[in-house]
PDB file of N, CA and C in Angstrom:
ATOM      1  N   MET A   1    -114.632-110.142 152.847  1.00  0.00           N
ATOM      2  CA  MET A   1    -114.398-108.766 153.243  1.00  0.00           C
ATOM      3  C   MET A   1    -112.952-108.395 152.939  1.00  0.00           C
ATOM      4  N   ALA A   2    -112.718-107.215 152.368  1.00  0.00           N
ATOM      5  CA  ALA A   2    -111.384-106.789 151.973  1.00  0.00           C
ATOM      6  C   ALA A   2    -110.587-106.373 153.204  1.00  0.00           C
ATOM      7  N   SER A   3    -109.303-106.711 153.181  1.00  0.00           N
ATOM      8  CA  SER A   3    -108.450-106.313 154.290  1.00  0.00           C
ATOM      9  C   SER A   3    -108.018-104.860 154.098  1.00  0.00           C
ATOM     10  N   VAL A   4    -107.375-104.323 155.129  1.00  0.00           N
ATOM     11  CA  VAL A   4    -106.934-102.936 155.072  1.00  0.00           C
ATOM     12  C   VAL A   4    -105.896-102.746 153.970  1.00  0.00           C
ATOM     13  N   GLN A   5    -105.078-103.776 153.695  1.00  0.00           N
ATOM     14  CA  GLN A   5    -104.052-103.673 152.661  1.00  0.00           C
ATOM     15  C   GLN A   5    -104.667-103.609 151.264  1.00  0.00           C
ATOM     16  N   ASP A   6    -105.890-104.107 151.108  1.00  0.00           N
ATOM     17  CA  ASP A   6    -106.555-104.057 149.812  1.00  0.00           C
ATOM     18  C   ASP A   6    -107.237-102.715 149.577  1.00  0.00           C
ATOM     19  N   GLN A   7    -107.158-101.824 150.553  1.00  0.00           N
ATOM     20  CA  GLN A   7    -107.731-100.479 150.432  1.00  0.00           C
ATOM     21  C   GLN A   7    -106.597 -99.479 150.213  1.00  0.00           C
ATOM     22  N   LEU A   8    -106.826 -98.540 149.317  1.00  0.00           N
ATOM     23  CA  LEU A   8    -105.857 -97.469 149.089  1.00  0.00           C
ATOM     24  C   LEU A   8    -106.524 -96.139 149.383  1.00  0.00           C
ATOM     25  N   GLU A   9    -105.829 -95.292 150.105  1.00  0.00           N
ATOM     26  CA  GLU A   9    -106.328 -93.949 150.367  1.00  0.00           C
ATOM     27  C   GLU A   9    -105.708 -93.035 149.315  1.00  0.00           C
ATOM     28  N   ILE A  10    -106.559 -92.445 148.486  1.00  0.00           N
ATOM     29  CA  ILE A  10    -106.092 -91.664 147.341  1.00  0.00           C
ATOM     30  C   ILE A  10    -106.674 -90.258 147.409  1.00  0.00           C
ATOM     31  N   LYS A  11    -105.823 -89.270 147.130  1.00  0.00           N
ATOM     32  CA  LYS A  11    -106.315 -87.910 146.933  1.00  0.00           C
ATOM     33  C   LYS A  11    -105.914 -87.484 145.530  1.00  0.00           C
ATOM     34  N   PHE A  12    -106.700 -86.615 144.960  1.00  0.00           N
ATOM     35  CA  PHE A  12    -106.495 -86.174 143.587  1.00  0.00           C
ATOM     36  C   PHE A  12    -106.081 -84.706 143.596  1.00  0.00           C
ATOM     37  N   ARG A  13    -104.906 -84.417 143.057  1.00  0.00           N
ATOM     38  CA  ARG A  13    -104.382 -83.052 143.015  1.00  0.00           C
ATOM     39  C   ARG A  13    -104.739 -82.427 141.680  1.00  0.00           C
ATOM     40  N   LEU A  14    -105.450 -81.308 141.737  1.00  0.00           N
ATOM     41  CA  LEU A  14    -105.848 -80.587 140.535  1.00  0.00           C
ATOM     42  C   LEU A  14    -104.719 -79.655 140.096  1.00  0.00           C
ATOM     43  N   THR A  15    -104.808 -79.123 138.888  1.00  0.00           N
ATOM     44  CA  THR A  15    -103.728 -78.310 138.337  1.00  0.00           C
ATOM     45  C   THR A  15    -103.517 -77.007 139.101  1.00  0.00           C
ATOM     46  N   ASP A  16    -104.538 -76.517 139.806  1.00  0.00           N
ATOM     47  CA  ASP A  16    -104.374 -75.281 140.570  1.00  0.00           C
ATOM     48  C   ASP A  16    -103.824 -75.531 141.975  1.00  0.00           C
ATOM     49  N   GLY A  17    -103.518 -76.789 142.305  1.00  0.00           N
ATOM     50  CA  GLY A  17    -102.944 -77.135 143.598  1.00  0.00           C
ATOM     51  C   GLY A  17    -103.948 -77.568 144.642  1.00  0.00           C
ATOM     52  N   SER A  18    -105.236 -77.432 144.354  1.00  0.00           N
ATOM     53  CA  SER A  18    -106.257 -77.889 145.308  1.00  0.00           C
ATOM     54  C   SER A  18    -106.439 -79.401 145.173  1.00  0.00           C
ATOM     55  N   ASP A  19    -107.055 -79.993 146.166  1.00  0.00           N
ATOM     56  CA  ASP A  19    -107.211 -81.448 146.214  1.00  0.00           C
ATOM     57  C   ASP A  19    -108.675 -81.855 146.277  1.00  0.00           C
ATOM     58  N   ILE A  20    -108.937 -83.052 145.754  1.00  0.00           N
ATOM     59  CA  ILE A  20    -110.204 -83.752 145.954  1.00  0.00           C
ATOM     60  C   ILE A  20    -109.857 -84.978 146.785  1.00  0.00           C
ATOM     61  N   GLY A  21    -110.511 -85.136 147.906  1.00  0.00           N
ATOM     62  CA  GLY A  21    -110.231 -86.294 148.755  1.00  0.00           C
ATOM     63  C   GLY A  21    -109.389 -85.891 149.951  1.00  0.00           C
ATOM     64  N   PRO A  22    -108.782 -86.836 150.617  1.00  0.00           N
ATOM     65  CA  PRO A  22    -108.578 -88.239 150.275  1.00  0.00           C
ATOM     66  C   PRO A  22    -109.807 -89.101 150.526  1.00  0.00           C
ATOM     67  N   LYS A  23    -109.844 -90.217 149.809  1.00  0.00           N
ATOM     68  CA  LYS A  23    -110.946 -91.163 149.901  1.00  0.00           C
ATOM     69  C   LYS A  23    -110.373 -92.567 149.742  1.00  0.00           C
ATOM     70  N   ASN A  24    -110.986 -93.541 150.408  1.00  0.00           N
ATOM     71  CA  ASN A  24    -110.530 -94.929 150.321  1.00  0.00           C
ATOM     72  C   ASN A  24    -111.171 -95.634 149.133  1.00  0.00           C
ATOM     73  N   PHE A  25    -110.352 -96.381 148.396  1.00  0.00           N
ATOM     74  CA  PHE A  25    -110.809 -97.173 147.261  1.00  0.00           C
ATOM     75  C   PHE A  25    -110.232 -98.578 147.378  1.00  0.00           C
ATOM     76  N   PRO A  26    -111.013 -99.615 147.037  1.00  0.00           N
ATOM     77  CA  PRO A  26    -110.461-100.968 146.986  1.00  0.00           C
ATOM     78  C   PRO A  26    -109.417-101.072 145.870  1.00  0.00           C
ATOM     79  N   ALA A  27    -108.447-101.964 146.032  1.00  0.00           N
ATOM     80  CA  ALA A  27    -107.391-102.150 145.026  1.00  0.00           C
ATOM     81  C   ALA A  27    -107.962-102.632 143.701  1.00  0.00           C
ATOM     82  N   ALA A  28    -109.141-103.245 143.714  1.00  0.00           N
ATOM     83  CA  ALA A  28    -109.762-103.765 142.491  1.00  0.00           C
ATOM     84  C   ALA A  28    -110.535-102.688 141.726  1.00  0.00           C
ATOM     85  N   THR A  29    -110.537-101.444 142.218  1.00  0.00           N
ATOM     86  CA  THR A  29    -111.253-100.365 141.550  1.00  0.00           C
ATOM     87  C   THR A  29    -110.557-100.011 140.245  1.00  0.00           C
ATOM     88  N   SER A  30    -111.336 -99.839 139.183  1.00  0.00           N
ATOM     89  CA  SER A  30    -110.742 -99.481 137.888  1.00  0.00           C
ATOM     90  C   SER A  30    -110.426 -97.988 137.853  1.00  0.00           C
ATOM     91  N   VAL A  31    -109.498 -97.628 136.981  1.00  0.00           N
ATOM     92  CA  VAL A  31    -109.127 -96.224 136.804  1.00  0.00           C
ATOM     93  C   VAL A  31    -110.328 -95.437 136.283  1.00  0.00           C
ATOM     94  N   ALA A  32    -111.151 -96.055 135.434  1.00  0.00           N
ATOM     95  CA  ALA A  32    -112.351 -95.389 134.927  1.00  0.00           C
ATOM     96  C   ALA A  32    -113.299 -95.033 136.073  1.00  0.00           C
ATOM     97  N   THR A  33    -113.412 -95.898 137.074  1.00  0.00           N
ATOM     98  CA  THR A  33    -114.250 -95.621 138.233  1.00  0.00           C
ATOM     99  C   THR A  33    -113.694 -94.451 139.039  1.00  0.00           C
ATOM    100  N   LEU A  34    -112.360 -94.366 139.146  1.00  0.00           N
ATOM    101  CA  LEU A  34    -111.745 -93.222 139.822  1.00  0.00           C
ATOM    102  C   LEU A  34    -112.092 -91.927 139.099  1.00  0.00           C
ATOM    103  N   LYS A  35    -112.044 -91.964 137.768  1.00  0.00           N
ATOM    104  CA  LYS A  35    -112.357 -90.773 136.976  1.00  0.00           C
ATOM    105  C   LYS A  35    -113.817 -90.363 137.150  1.00  0.00           C
ATOM    106  N   GLU A  36    -114.717 -91.350 137.233  1.00  0.00           N
ATOM    107  CA  GLU A  36    -116.127 -91.045 137.480  1.00  0.00           C
ATOM    108  C   GLU A  36    -116.306 -90.392 138.849  1.00  0.00           C
ATOM    109  N   SER A  37    -115.538 -90.850 139.827  1.00  0.00           N
ATOM    110  CA  SER A  37    -115.585 -90.260 141.160  1.00  0.00           C
ATOM    111  C   SER A  37    -115.097 -88.804 141.116  1.00  0.00           C
ATOM    112  N   ILE A  38    -114.063 -88.546 140.330  1.00  0.00           N
ATOM    113  CA  ILE A  38    -113.553 -87.179 140.182  1.00  0.00           C
ATOM    114  C   ILE A  38    -114.614 -86.290 139.548  1.00  0.00           C
ATOM    115  N   LEU A  39    -115.284 -86.797 138.506  1.00  0.00           N
ATOM    116  CA  LEU A  39    -116.343 -86.013 137.865  1.00  0.00           C
ATOM    117  C   LEU A  39    -117.447 -85.657 138.859  1.00  0.00           C
ATOM    118  N   ALA A  40    -117.816 -86.609 139.700  1.00  0.00           N
ATOM    119  CA  ALA A  40    -118.889 -86.381 140.662  1.00  0.00           C
ATOM    120  C   ALA A  40    -118.475 -85.392 141.753  1.00  0.00           C
ATOM    121  N   GLN A  41    -117.193 -85.371 142.112  1.00  0.00           N
ATOM    122  CA  GLN A  41    -116.718 -84.522 143.201  1.00  0.00           C
ATOM    123  C   GLN A  41    -116.071 -83.226 142.709  1.00  0.00           C
ATOM    124  N   TRP A  42    -116.063 -82.992 141.398  1.00  0.00           N
ATOM    125  CA  TRP A  42    -115.390 -81.810 140.852  1.00  0.00           C
ATOM    126  C   TRP A  42    -116.017 -80.538 141.432  1.00  0.00           C
ATOM    127  N   PRO A  43    -115.195 -79.602 141.930  1.00  0.00           N
ATOM    128  CA  PRO A  43    -115.744 -78.358 142.501  1.00  0.00           C
ATOM    129  C   PRO A  43    -116.518 -77.567 141.449  1.00  0.00           C
ATOM    130  N   LYS A  44    -117.741 -77.208 141.773  1.00  0.00           N
ATOM    131  CA  LYS A  44    -118.624 -76.524 140.821  1.00  0.00           C
ATOM    132  C   LYS A  44    -118.143 -75.112 140.500  1.00  0.00           C
ATOM    133  N   GLU A  45    -117.399 -74.486 141.422  1.00  0.00           N
ATOM    134  CA  GLU A  45    -116.963 -73.119 141.186  1.00  0.00           C
ATOM    135  C   GLU A  45    -115.767 -73.015 140.224  1.00  0.00           C
ATOM    136  N   LYS A  46    -115.155 -74.150 139.898  1.00  0.00           N
ATOM    137  CA  LYS A  46    -114.001 -74.138 138.986  1.00  0.00           C
ATOM    138  C   LYS A  46    -114.477 -74.153 137.535  1.00  0.00           C
ATOM    139  N   ASP A  47    -113.866 -73.292 136.738  1.00  0.00           N
ATOM    140  CA  ASP A  47    -114.177 -73.238 135.318  1.00  0.00           C
ATOM    141  C   ASP A  47    -113.436 -74.355 134.590  1.00  0.00           C
ATOM    142  N   ASN A  48    -113.886 -74.648 133.394  1.00  0.00           N
ATOM    143  CA  ASN A  48    -113.241 -75.628 132.517  1.00  0.00           C
ATOM    144  C   ASN A  48    -113.127 -77.004 133.161  1.00  0.00           C
ATOM    145  N   GLY A  49    -114.168 -77.422 133.839  1.00  0.00           N
ATOM    146  CA  GLY A  49    -114.184 -78.747 134.424  1.00  0.00           C
ATOM    147  C   GLY A  49    -114.398 -79.810 133.350  1.00  0.00           C
ATOM    148  N   PRO A  50    -114.039 -81.049 133.644  1.00  0.00           N
ATOM    149  CA  PRO A  50    -114.230 -82.122 132.670  1.00  0.00           C
ATOM    150  C   PRO A  50    -115.708 -82.430 132.474  1.00  0.00           C
ATOM    151  N   ARG A  51    -116.065 -82.782 131.258  1.00  0.00           N
ATOM    152  CA  ARG A  51    -117.459 -83.144 130.963  1.00  0.00           C
ATOM    153  C   ARG A  51    -117.659 -84.650 130.978  1.00  0.00           C
ATOM    154  N   THR A  52    -116.651 -85.387 130.518  1.00  0.00           N
ATOM    155  CA  THR A  52    -116.735 -86.844 130.467  1.00  0.00           C
ATOM    156  C   THR A  52    -115.457 -87.447 131.031  1.00  0.00           C
ATOM    157  N   VAL A  53    -115.481 -88.762 131.208  1.00  0.00           N
ATOM    158  CA  VAL A  53    -114.307 -89.491 131.695  1.00  0.00           C
ATOM    159  C   VAL A  53    -113.151 -89.351 130.711  1.00  0.00           C
ATOM    160  N   LYS A  54    -113.449 -89.232 129.429  1.00  0.00           N
ATOM    161  CA  LYS A  54    -112.393 -89.117 128.416  1.00  0.00           C
ATOM    162  C   LYS A  54    -111.628 -87.803 128.516  1.00  0.00           C
ATOM    163  N   ASP A  55    -112.206 -86.797 129.167  1.00  0.00           N
ATOM    164  CA  ASP A  55    -111.535 -85.502 129.329  1.00  0.00           C
ATOM    165  C   ASP A  55    -110.509 -85.520 130.462  1.00  0.00           C
ATOM    166  N   VAL A  56    -110.518 -86.567 131.296  1.00  0.00           N
ATOM    167  CA  VAL A  56    -109.665 -86.629 132.482  1.00  0.00           C
ATOM    168  C   VAL A  56    -108.507 -87.591 132.242  1.00  0.00           C
ATOM    169  N   LYS A  57    -107.308 -87.139 132.592  1.00  0.00           N
ATOM    170  CA  LYS A  57    -106.126 -88.008 132.599  1.00  0.00           C
ATOM    171  C   LYS A  57    -105.617 -88.056 134.027  1.00  0.00           C
ATOM    172  N   LEU A  58    -105.342 -89.255 134.525  1.00  0.00           N
ATOM    173  CA  LEU A  58    -104.787 -89.439 135.865  1.00  0.00           C
ATOM    174  C   LEU A  58    -103.320 -89.829 135.739  1.00  0.00           C
ATOM    175  N   ILE A  59    -102.479 -89.181 136.537  1.00  0.00           N
ATOM    176  CA  ILE A  59    -101.046 -89.463 136.519  1.00  0.00           C
ATOM    177  C   ILE A  59    -100.639 -89.892 137.914  1.00  0.00           C
ATOM    178  N   SER A  60     -99.985 -91.041 137.987  1.00  0.00           N
ATOM    179  CA  SER A  60     -99.469 -91.549 139.255  1.00  0.00           C
ATOM    180  C   SER A  60     -98.053 -92.052 139.025  1.00  0.00           C
ATOM    181  N   ALA A  61     -97.122 -91.611 139.852  1.00  0.00           N
ATOM    182  CA  ALA A  61     -95.712 -91.991 139.747  1.00  0.00           C
ATOM    183  C   ALA A  61     -95.166 -91.712 138.345  1.00  0.00           C
ATOM    184  N   GLY A  62     -95.624 -90.616 137.734  1.00  0.00           N
ATOM    185  CA  GLY A  62     -95.115 -90.205 136.424  1.00  0.00           C
ATOM    186  C   GLY A  62     -95.706 -90.946 135.249  1.00  0.00           C
ATOM    187  N   LYS A  63     -96.710 -91.783 135.476  1.00  0.00           N
ATOM    188  CA  LYS A  63     -97.310 -92.561 134.393  1.00  0.00           C
ATOM    189  C   LYS A  63     -98.783 -92.203 134.240  1.00  0.00           C
ATOM    190  N   ILE A  64     -99.223 -92.077 132.990  1.00  0.00           N
ATOM    191  CA  ILE A  64    -100.642 -91.856 132.712  1.00  0.00           C
ATOM    192  C   ILE A  64    -101.349 -93.190 132.863  1.00  0.00           C
ATOM    193  N   LEU A  65    -102.392 -93.211 133.667  1.00  0.00           N
ATOM    194  CA  LEU A  65    -103.099 -94.459 133.957  1.00  0.00           C
ATOM    195  C   LEU A  65    -104.171 -94.731 132.914  1.00  0.00           C
ATOM    196  N   GLU A  66    -104.257 -95.992 132.499  1.00  0.00           N
ATOM    197  CA  GLU A  66    -105.238 -96.419 131.493  1.00  0.00           C
ATOM    198  C   GLU A  66    -106.547 -96.795 132.174  1.00  0.00           C
ATOM    199  N   ASN A  67    -107.672 -96.498 131.511  1.00  0.00           N
ATOM    200  CA  ASN A  67    -109.001 -96.731 132.081  1.00  0.00           C
ATOM    201  C   ASN A  67    -109.274 -98.180 132.445  1.00  0.00           C
ATOM    202  N   ASN A  68    -108.742 -99.127 131.673  1.00  0.00           N
ATOM    203  CA  ASN A  68    -109.083-100.536 131.883  1.00  0.00           C
ATOM    204  C   ASN A  68    -108.250-101.205 132.979  1.00  0.00           C
ATOM    205  N   ARG A  69    -107.291-100.518 133.556  1.00  0.00           N
ATOM    206  CA  ARG A  69    -106.460-101.104 134.611  1.00  0.00           C
ATOM    207  C   ARG A  69    -107.064-100.809 135.976  1.00  0.00           C
ATOM    208  N   THR A  70    -106.662-101.602 136.960  1.00  0.00           N
ATOM    209  CA  THR A  70    -107.141-101.382 138.323  1.00  0.00           C
ATOM    210  C   THR A  70    -106.112-100.577 139.110  1.00  0.00           C
ATOM    211  N   VAL A  71    -106.552-100.037 140.238  1.00  0.00           N
ATOM    212  CA  VAL A  71    -105.665 -99.263 141.092  1.00  0.00           C
ATOM    213  C   VAL A  71    -104.529-100.144 141.601  1.00  0.00           C
ATOM    214  N   GLY A  72    -104.839-101.384 141.917  1.00  0.00           N
ATOM    215  CA  GLY A  72    -103.821-102.314 142.401  1.00  0.00           C
ATOM    216  C   GLY A  72    -102.744-102.580 141.369  1.00  0.00           C
ATOM    217  N   GLU A  73    -103.114-102.641 140.090  1.00  0.00           N
ATOM    218  CA  GLU A  73    -102.139-102.862 139.015  1.00  0.00           C
ATOM    219  C   GLU A  73    -101.257-101.635 138.794  1.00  0.00           C
ATOM    220  N   CYS A  74    -101.784-100.469 139.064  1.00  0.00           N
ATOM    221  CA  CYS A  74    -101.052 -99.223 138.833  1.00  0.00           C
ATOM    222  C   CYS A  74    -100.204 -98.808 140.021  1.00  0.00           C
ATOM    223  N   ARG A  75    -100.335 -99.519 141.103  1.00  0.00           N
ATOM    224  CA  ARG A  75     -99.617 -99.158 142.332  1.00  0.00           C
ATOM    225  C   ARG A  75     -98.116 -99.330 142.131  1.00  0.00           C
ATOM    226  N   SER A  76     -97.358 -98.339 142.554  1.00  0.00           N
ATOM    227  CA  SER A  76     -95.902 -98.393 142.459  1.00  0.00           C
ATOM    228  C   SER A  76     -95.332 -98.785 143.814  1.00  0.00           C
ATOM    229  N   PRO A  77     -94.539 -99.872 143.875  1.00  0.00           N
ATOM    230  CA  PRO A  77     -94.005-100.293 145.170  1.00  0.00           C
ATOM    231  C   PRO A  77     -93.014 -99.284 145.756  1.00  0.00           C
ATOM    232  N   LEU A  78     -92.398 -98.459 144.923  1.00  0.00           N
ATOM    233  CA  LEU A  78     -91.423 -97.490 145.416  1.00  0.00           C
ATOM    234  C   LEU A  78     -92.083 -96.246 146.004  1.00  0.00           C
ATOM    235  N   CYS A  79     -93.267 -95.899 145.502  1.00  0.00           N
ATOM    236  CA  CYS A  79     -93.914 -94.649 145.909  1.00  0.00           C
ATOM    237  C   CYS A  79     -94.959 -94.820 146.992  1.00  0.00           C
ATOM    238  N   ASP A  80     -95.548 -95.994 147.102  1.00  0.00           N
ATOM    239  CA  ASP A  80     -96.639 -96.188 148.052  1.00  0.00           C
ATOM    240  C   ASP A  80     -96.097 -96.609 149.416  1.00  0.00           C
ATOM    241  N   ILE A  81     -96.526 -95.883 150.431  1.00  0.00           N
ATOM    242  CA  ILE A  81     -96.146 -96.192 151.805  1.00  0.00           C
ATOM    243  C   ILE A  81     -97.351 -96.845 152.464  1.00  0.00           C
ATOM    244  N   PRO A  82     -97.177 -98.005 153.103  1.00  0.00           N
ATOM    245  CA  PRO A  82     -98.320 -98.648 153.757  1.00  0.00           C
ATOM    246  C   PRO A  82     -98.986 -97.695 154.746  1.00  0.00           C
ATOM    247  N   GLY A  83    -100.298 -97.539 154.609  1.00  0.00           N
ATOM    248  CA  GLY A  83    -101.053 -96.649 155.480  1.00  0.00           C
ATOM    249  C   GLY A  83    -100.970 -95.182 155.078  1.00  0.00           C
ATOM    250  N   GLY A  84    -100.224 -94.868 154.014  1.00  0.00           N
ATOM    251  CA  GLY A  84    -100.088 -93.480 153.569  1.00  0.00           C
ATOM    252  C   GLY A  84    -101.116 -93.132 152.506  1.00  0.00           C
ATOM    253  N   VAL A  85    -101.159 -91.855 152.167  1.00  0.00           N
ATOM    254  CA  VAL A  85    -102.082 -91.372 151.153  1.00  0.00           C
ATOM    255  C   VAL A  85    -101.347 -91.280 149.820  1.00  0.00           C
ATOM    256  N   THR A  86    -101.932 -91.854 148.787  1.00  0.00           N
ATOM    257  CA  THR A  86    -101.378 -91.771 147.443  1.00  0.00           C
ATOM    258  C   THR A  86    -101.961 -90.551 146.748  1.00  0.00           C
ATOM    259  N   THR A  87    -101.102 -89.728 146.165  1.00  0.00           N
ATOM    260  CA  THR A  87    -101.561 -88.550 145.438  1.00  0.00           C
ATOM    261  C   THR A  87    -101.489 -88.835 143.941  1.00  0.00           C
ATOM    262  N   MET A  88    -102.612 -88.649 143.270  1.00  0.00           N
ATOM    263  CA  MET A  88    -102.671 -88.772 141.814  1.00  0.00           C
ATOM    264  C   MET A  88    -102.971 -87.398 141.240  1.00  0.00           C
ATOM    265  N   HIS A  89    -102.271 -87.046 140.198  1.00  0.00           N
ATOM    266  CA  HIS A  89    -102.472 -85.745 139.564  1.00  0.00           C
ATOM    267  C   HIS A  89    -103.542 -85.850 138.488  1.00  0.00           C
ATOM    268  N   VAL A  90    -104.403 -84.840 138.437  1.00  0.00           N
ATOM    269  CA  VAL A  90    -105.521 -84.813 137.500  1.00  0.00           C
ATOM    270  C   VAL A  90    -105.233 -83.756 136.430  1.00  0.00           C
ATOM    271  N   VAL A  91    -105.279 -84.174 135.176  1.00  0.00           N
ATOM    272  CA  VAL A  91    -105.119 -83.256 134.054  1.00  0.00           C
ATOM    273  C   VAL A  91    -106.405 -83.308 133.244  1.00  0.00           C
ATOM    274  N   VAL A  92    -106.972 -82.146 132.967  1.00  0.00           N
ATOM    275  CA  VAL A  92    -108.195 -82.065 132.169  1.00  0.00           C
ATOM    276  C   VAL A  92    -107.822 -81.636 130.764  1.00  0.00           C
ATOM    277  N   GLN A  93    -108.177 -82.466 129.805  1.00  0.00           N
ATOM    278  CA  GLN A  93    -107.941 -82.128 128.401  1.00  0.00           C
ATOM    279  C   GLN A  93    -109.175 -81.425 127.867  1.00  0.00           C
ATOM    280  N   PRO A  94    -108.963 -80.306 127.178  1.00  0.00           N
ATOM    281  CA  PRO A  94    -110.129 -79.651 126.585  1.00  0.00           C
ATOM    282  C   PRO A  94    -110.744 -80.562 125.534  1.00  0.00           C
ATOM    283  N   PRO A  95    -112.054 -80.522 125.378  1.00  0.00           N
ATOM    284  CA  PRO A  95    -112.691 -81.390 124.389  1.00  0.00           C
ATOM    285  C   PRO A  95    -112.158 -81.075 122.998  1.00  0.00           C
ATOM    286  N   SER A  96    -111.875 -82.135 122.243  1.00  0.00           N
ATOM    287  CA  SER A  96    -111.337 -81.941 120.899  1.00  0.00           C
ATOM    288  C   SER A  96    -112.451 -81.506 119.954  1.00  0.00           C
ATOM    289  N   VAL A  97    -112.080 -80.657 119.024  1.00  0.00           N
ATOM    290  CA  VAL A  97    -113.040 -80.163 118.037  1.00  0.00           C
ATOM    291  C   VAL A  97    -113.010 -81.113 116.850  1.00  0.00           C
ATOM    292  N   ASP A  98    -114.171 -81.554 116.447  1.00  0.00           N
ATOM    293  CA  ASP A  98    -114.280 -82.443 115.307  1.00  0.00           C
ATOM    294  C   ASP A  98    -113.810 -81.710 114.052  1.00  0.00           C
ATOM    295  N   LYS A  99    -113.137 -82.419 113.144  1.00  0.00           N
ATOM    296  CA  LYS A  99    -112.602 -81.794 111.937  1.00  0.00           C
ATOM    297  C   LYS A  99    -113.694 -81.154 111.089  1.00  0.00           C
ATOM    298  N   ALA A 100    -114.857 -81.778 111.034  1.00  0.00           N
ATOM    299  CA  ALA A 100    -115.957 -81.222 110.243  1.00  0.00           C
ATOM    300  C   ALA A 100    -116.422 -79.901 110.857  1.00  0.00           C
ATOM    301  N   GLU A 101    -116.485 -79.855 112.206  1.00  0.00           N
ATOM    302  CA  GLU A 101    -116.881 -78.624 112.871  1.00  0.00           C
ATOM    303  C   GLU A 101    -115.830 -77.539 112.691  1.00  0.00           C
ATOM    304  N   LYS A 102    -114.570 -77.950 112.724  1.00  0.00           N
ATOM    305  CA  LYS A 102    -113.479 -77.001 112.595  1.00  0.00           C
ATOM    306  C   LYS A 102    -113.502 -76.332 111.219  1.00  0.00           C
ATOM    307  N   LYS A 103    -113.755 -77.114 110.169  1.00  0.00           N
ATOM    308  CA  LYS A 103    -113.819 -76.565 108.825  1.00  0.00           C
ATOM    309  C   LYS A 103    -114.985 -75.596 108.689  1.00  0.00           C
ATOM    310  N   ALA A 104    -116.094 -75.896 109.343  1.00  0.00           N
ATOM    311  CA  ALA A 104    -117.279 -75.048 109.251  1.00  0.00           C
ATOM    312  C   ALA A 104    -117.059 -73.719 109.972  1.00  0.00           C
ATOM    313  N   THR A 105    -116.266 -73.732 111.042  1.00  0.00           N
ATOM    314  CA  THR A 105    -116.070 -72.502 111.803  1.00  0.00           C
ATOM    315  C   THR A 105    -114.973 -71.614 111.233  1.00  0.00           C
ATOM    316  N   THR A 106    -114.045 -72.187 110.479  1.00  0.00           N
ATOM    317  CA  THR A 106    -112.981 -71.353 109.917  1.00  0.00           C
ATOM    318  C   THR A 106    -113.493 -70.626 108.692  1.00  0.00           C
ATOM    319  N   GLN A 107    -112.993 -69.442 108.506  1.00  0.00           N
ATOM    320  CA  GLN A 107    -113.413 -68.655 107.363  1.00  0.00           C
ATOM    321  C   GLN A 107    -112.662 -69.133 106.125  1.00  0.00           C
ATOM    322  N   PRO A 108    -113.331 -69.079 104.977  1.00  0.00           N
ATOM    323  CA  PRO A 108    -112.639 -69.495 103.753  1.00  0.00           C
ATOM    324  C   PRO A 108    -111.498 -68.526 103.450  1.00  0.00           C
ATOM    325  N   LYS A 109    -110.458 -69.064 102.861  1.00  0.00           N
ATOM    326  CA  LYS A 109    -109.310 -68.232 102.516  1.00  0.00           C
ATOM    327  C   LYS A 109    -109.702 -67.273 101.407  1.00  0.00           C
ATOM    328  N   GLN A 110    -109.269 -66.061 101.575  1.00  0.00           N
ATOM    329  CA  GLN A 110    -109.520 -65.062 100.543  1.00  0.00           C
ATOM    330  C   GLN A 110    -108.190 -64.757  99.860  1.00  0.00           C
ATOM    331  N   ASN A 111    -108.214 -64.831  98.565  1.00  0.00           N
ATOM    332  CA  ASN A 111    -107.005 -64.507  97.818  1.00  0.00           C
ATOM    333  C   ASN A 111    -106.854 -62.985  97.802  1.00  0.00           C
ATOM    334  N   LYS A 112    -105.706 -62.549  98.223  1.00  0.00           N
ATOM    335  CA  LYS A 112    -105.437 -61.122  98.207  1.00  0.00           C
ATOM    336  C   LYS A 112    -104.247 -60.879  97.299  1.00  0.00           C
ATOM    337  N   CYS A 113    -104.422 -59.915  96.487  1.00  0.00           N
ATOM    338  CA  CYS A 113    -103.378 -59.583  95.551  1.00  0.00           C
ATOM    339  C   CYS A 113    -102.831 -58.201  95.915  1.00  0.00           C
ATOM    340  N   VAL A 114    -101.542 -58.082  95.954  1.00  0.00           N
ATOM    341  CA  VAL A 114    -100.925 -56.806  96.279  1.00  0.00           C
ATOM    342  C   VAL A 114     -99.934 -56.476  95.166  1.00  0.00           C
ATOM    343  N   CYS A 115    -100.039 -55.275  94.632  1.00  0.00           N
ATOM    344  CA  CYS A 115     -99.103 -54.814  93.624  1.00  0.00           C
ATOM    345  C   CYS A 115     -98.250 -53.708  94.193  1.00  0.00           C
ATOM    346  N   VAL A 116     -96.983 -53.788  93.961  1.00  0.00           N
ATOM    347  CA  VAL A 116     -96.069 -52.752  94.434  1.00  0.00           C
ATOM    348  C   VAL A 116     -95.321 -52.218  93.215  1.00  0.00           C
ATOM    349  N   ILE A 117     -95.388 -50.912  92.998  1.00  0.00           N
ATOM    350  CA  ILE A 117     -94.682 -50.300  91.885  1.00  0.00           C
ATOM    351  C   ILE A 117     -93.561 -49.466  92.476  1.00  0.00           C
ATOM    352  N   LEU A 118     -92.366 -49.779  92.066  1.00  0.00           N
ATOM    353  CA  LEU A 118     -91.199 -49.051  92.574  1.00  0.00           C
ATOM    354  C   LEU A 118     -90.659 -48.089  91.573  1.00  0.00           C
TER     355      LEU A 118
END
């Protein structure tokens, strides 16, 4: 059974200043699992929500967290207060447009010729 020190209370701050959480997570929880939790709890009334885990970036103590790391590995000893709530900032990246799709949607360049007689 995990001790209280192996649990972290985390809340997620969205770009508009609203929060998701706080919720307790074991220190062994991966960052990808945190992102999945954010996707599941994302407010439905907000526009431009993330569609996949790849659309979400988590920032803690000024560092972007990698999906393959655990919460315990990302913990900053200077910022975390025992028994306190850790705030992680959530940034949603708009889905990238594939280059093939981008070329298909752009209009072909039209050569325009202009003559000026002075």
